[in-house]
C-alpha atoms as a PDB file:
ATOM      1  CA  MET A   1      12.565 -10.918 -12.516  1.00  0.00           C
ATOM      2  CA  MET A   2      14.274  -7.793 -11.264  1.00  0.00           C
ATOM      3  CA  VAL A   3      18.001  -7.404 -11.753  1.00  0.00           C
ATOM      4  CA  ASP A   4      20.230  -5.810  -9.143  1.00  0.00           C
ATOM      5  CA  LYS A   5      20.231  -2.078  -9.632  1.00  0.00           C
ATOM      6  CA  PRO A   6      23.661  -0.530 -10.075  1.00  0.00           C
ATOM      7  CA  THR A   7      23.775   2.847  -8.344  1.00  0.00           C
ATOM      8  CA  ASP A   8      26.120   4.535 -10.806  1.00  0.00           C
ATOM      9  CA  PHE A   9      23.577   4.896 -13.600  1.00  0.00           C
ATOM     10  CA  PRO A  10      20.049   5.556 -12.322  1.00  0.00           C
ATOM     11  CA  PRO A  11      17.116   6.308 -14.642  1.00  0.00           C
ATOM     12  CA  PRO A  12      16.232   9.984 -15.025  1.00  0.00           C
ATOM     13  CA  GLU A  13      13.946  11.505 -12.407  1.00  0.00           C
ATOM     14  CA  TRP A  14      11.160  12.059 -14.936  1.00  0.00           C
ATOM     15  CA  MET A  15      10.727   8.257 -15.053  1.00  0.00           C
ATOM     16  CA  ASP A  16       9.553   8.237 -11.419  1.00  0.00           C
ATOM     17  CA  GLY A  17       6.183   6.513 -11.304  1.00  0.00           C
ATOM     18  CA  LEU A  18       6.810   4.625 -14.556  1.00  0.00           C
ATOM     19  CA  GLU A  19       7.602   1.347 -12.843  1.00  0.00           C
ATOM     20  CA  LEU A  20       7.514  -0.958 -15.883  1.00  0.00           C
ATOM     21  CA  ALA A  21       9.742   1.430 -17.831  1.00  0.00           C
ATOM     22  CA  LYS A  22      12.185   1.576 -14.912  1.00  0.00           C
ATOM     23  CA  GLU A  23      12.207  -2.212 -14.661  1.00  0.00           C
ATOM     24  CA  ILE A  24      13.009  -2.396 -18.386  1.00  0.00           C
ATOM     25  CA  TRP A  25      15.727   0.261 -17.847  1.00  0.00           C
ATOM     26  CA  TRP A  26      17.524  -1.883 -15.246  1.00  0.00           C
ATOM     27  CA  LYS A  27      17.205  -5.061 -17.350  1.00  0.00           C
ATOM     28  CA  LYS A  28      18.558  -3.390 -20.474  1.00  0.00           C
ATOM     29  CA  LEU A  29      21.313  -1.592 -18.609  1.00  0.00           C
ATOM     30  CA  GLU A  30      22.471  -4.861 -17.066  1.00  0.00           C
ATOM     31  CA  GLU A  31      22.428  -6.586 -20.469  1.00  0.00           C
ATOM     32  CA  PHE A  32      24.308  -3.736 -22.133  1.00  0.00           C
ATOM     33  CA  LYS A  33      26.933  -3.798 -19.379  1.00  0.00           C
ATOM     34  CA  LYS A  34      27.354  -7.568 -19.869  1.00  0.00           C
ATOM     35  CA  ARG A  35      28.024  -6.868 -23.554  1.00  0.00           C
ATOM     36  CA  GLY A  36      30.575  -4.207 -22.652  1.00  0.00           C
ATOM     37  CA  MET A  37      28.459  -1.419 -24.108  1.00  0.00           C
ATOM     38  CA  ASP A  38      28.895   2.055 -22.630  1.00  0.00           C
ATOM     39  CA  VAL A  39      25.499   3.701 -23.044  1.00  0.00           C
ATOM     40  CA  GLU A  40      25.822   6.385 -20.379  1.00  0.00           C
ATOM     41  CA  GLN A  41      26.054   9.166 -22.957  1.00  0.00           C
ATOM     42  CA  PHE A  42      22.755   7.926 -24.432  1.00  0.00           C
ATOM     43  CA  GLN A  43      20.710   8.092 -21.216  1.00  0.00           C
ATOM     44  CA  SER A  44      17.941  10.173 -22.736  1.00  0.00           C
ATOM     45  CA  LEU A  45      17.484   7.881 -25.730  1.00  0.00           C
ATOM     46  CA  LEU A  46      17.627   4.822 -23.465  1.00  0.00           C
ATOM     47  CA  ALA A  47      14.945   6.319 -21.210  1.00  0.00           C
ATOM     48  CA  HIS A  48      12.636   6.989 -24.152  1.00  0.00           C
ATOM     49  CA  TYR A  49      13.306   3.500 -25.518  1.00  0.00           C
ATOM     50  CA  CYS A  50      12.382   1.911 -22.183  1.00  0.00           C
ATOM     51  CA  CYS A  51       9.232   4.008 -21.871  1.00  0.00           C
ATOM     52  CA  PHE A  52       8.149   3.202 -25.402  1.00  0.00           C
ATOM     53  CA  GLU A  53       8.751  -0.517 -24.920  1.00  0.00           C
ATOM     54  CA  ALA A  54       6.733  -0.386 -21.677  1.00  0.00           C
ATOM     55  CA  GLN A  55       3.908   1.317 -23.562  1.00  0.00           C
ATOM     56  CA  ILE A  56       3.910  -1.454 -26.193  1.00  0.00           C
ATOM     57  CA  ILE A  57       3.931  -4.175 -23.531  1.00  0.00           C
ATOM     58  CA  LYS A  58       1.011  -2.560 -21.686  1.00  0.00           C
ATOM     59  CA  LYS A  59      -0.896  -2.217 -24.944  1.00  0.00           C
ATOM     60  CA  ARG A  60      -0.454  -5.925 -25.691  1.00  0.00           C
ATOM     61  CA  GLU A  61      -1.392  -6.893 -22.136  1.00  0.00           C
ATOM     62  CA  SER A  62      -4.650  -4.944 -22.506  1.00  0.00           C
ATOM     63  CA  GLY A  63      -5.498  -6.966 -25.618  1.00  0.00           C
ATOM     64  CA  GLU A  64      -4.654  -4.256 -28.128  1.00  0.00           C
ATOM     65  CA  ILE A  65      -2.354  -4.889 -31.049  1.00  0.00           C
ATOM     66  CA  PRO A  66       0.483  -2.410 -31.579  1.00  0.00           C
ATOM     67  CA  THR A  67       0.399  -0.672 -34.940  1.00  0.00           C
ATOM     68  CA  ALA A  68       3.022  -1.305 -37.589  1.00  0.00           C
ATOM     69  CA  GLU A  69       4.239   2.246 -37.038  1.00  0.00           C
ATOM     70  CA  GLU A  70       4.700   1.652 -33.299  1.00  0.00           C
ATOM     71  CA  LEU A  71       6.581  -1.580 -33.940  1.00  0.00           C
ATOM     72  CA  SER A  72       8.747   0.165 -36.517  1.00  0.00           C
ATOM     73  CA  VAL A  73       9.652   2.901 -34.009  1.00  0.00           C
ATOM     74  CA  LEU A  74      10.405   0.253 -31.394  1.00  0.00           C
ATOM     75  CA  ARG A  75      12.606  -1.618 -33.862  1.00  0.00           C
ATOM     76  CA  ASP A  76      14.487   1.590 -34.700  1.00  0.00           C
ATOM     77  CA  LEU A  77      15.066   2.323 -31.010  1.00  0.00           C
ATOM     78  CA  ALA A  78      16.231  -1.265 -30.453  1.00  0.00           C
ATOM     79  CA  ASN A  79      18.617  -0.984 -33.393  1.00  0.00           C
ATOM     80  CA  SER A  80      20.159   2.099 -31.773  1.00  0.00           C
ATOM     81  CA  PHE A  81      21.371  -0.203 -28.992  1.00  0.00           C
ATOM     82  CA  TYR A  82      21.905  -3.369 -31.076  1.00  0.00           C
ATOM     83  CA  ASP A  83      19.108  -4.844 -28.945  1.00  0.00           C
ATOM     84  CA  THR A  84      17.286  -7.823 -30.416  1.00  0.00           C
ATOM     85  CA  GLY A  85      15.748  -9.253 -27.229  1.00  0.00           C
ATOM     86  CA  LEU A  86      12.413  -7.427 -27.142  1.00  0.00           C
ATOM     87  CA  GLU A  87       9.661  -8.992 -25.069  1.00  0.00           C
ATOM     88  CA  LEU A  88       6.720  -8.597 -27.426  1.00  0.00           C
ATOM     89  CA  VAL A  89       5.432 -12.154 -27.621  1.00  0.00           C
ATOM     90  CA  ASP A  90       3.207 -13.668 -24.935  1.00  0.00           C
END
């Protein structure tokens, strides 16, 4: 499900072509806004977080199992945004 895309906070241009990561960006941004979190000053970290989460999702969808190190990095990125709603389980 795609959320409405606010125009005041677009993903960085380097994410063009990374559709799953951009979809995650909009979902997370909407959730953070609902929580009253101002993450605009953390755009770069948010972009890397979204790209990394997309990479993990694609890995799982291909039948691979993410490594403990990858999951640890993902957890650390999630903790940076107090985000506990990761979509890692089928």
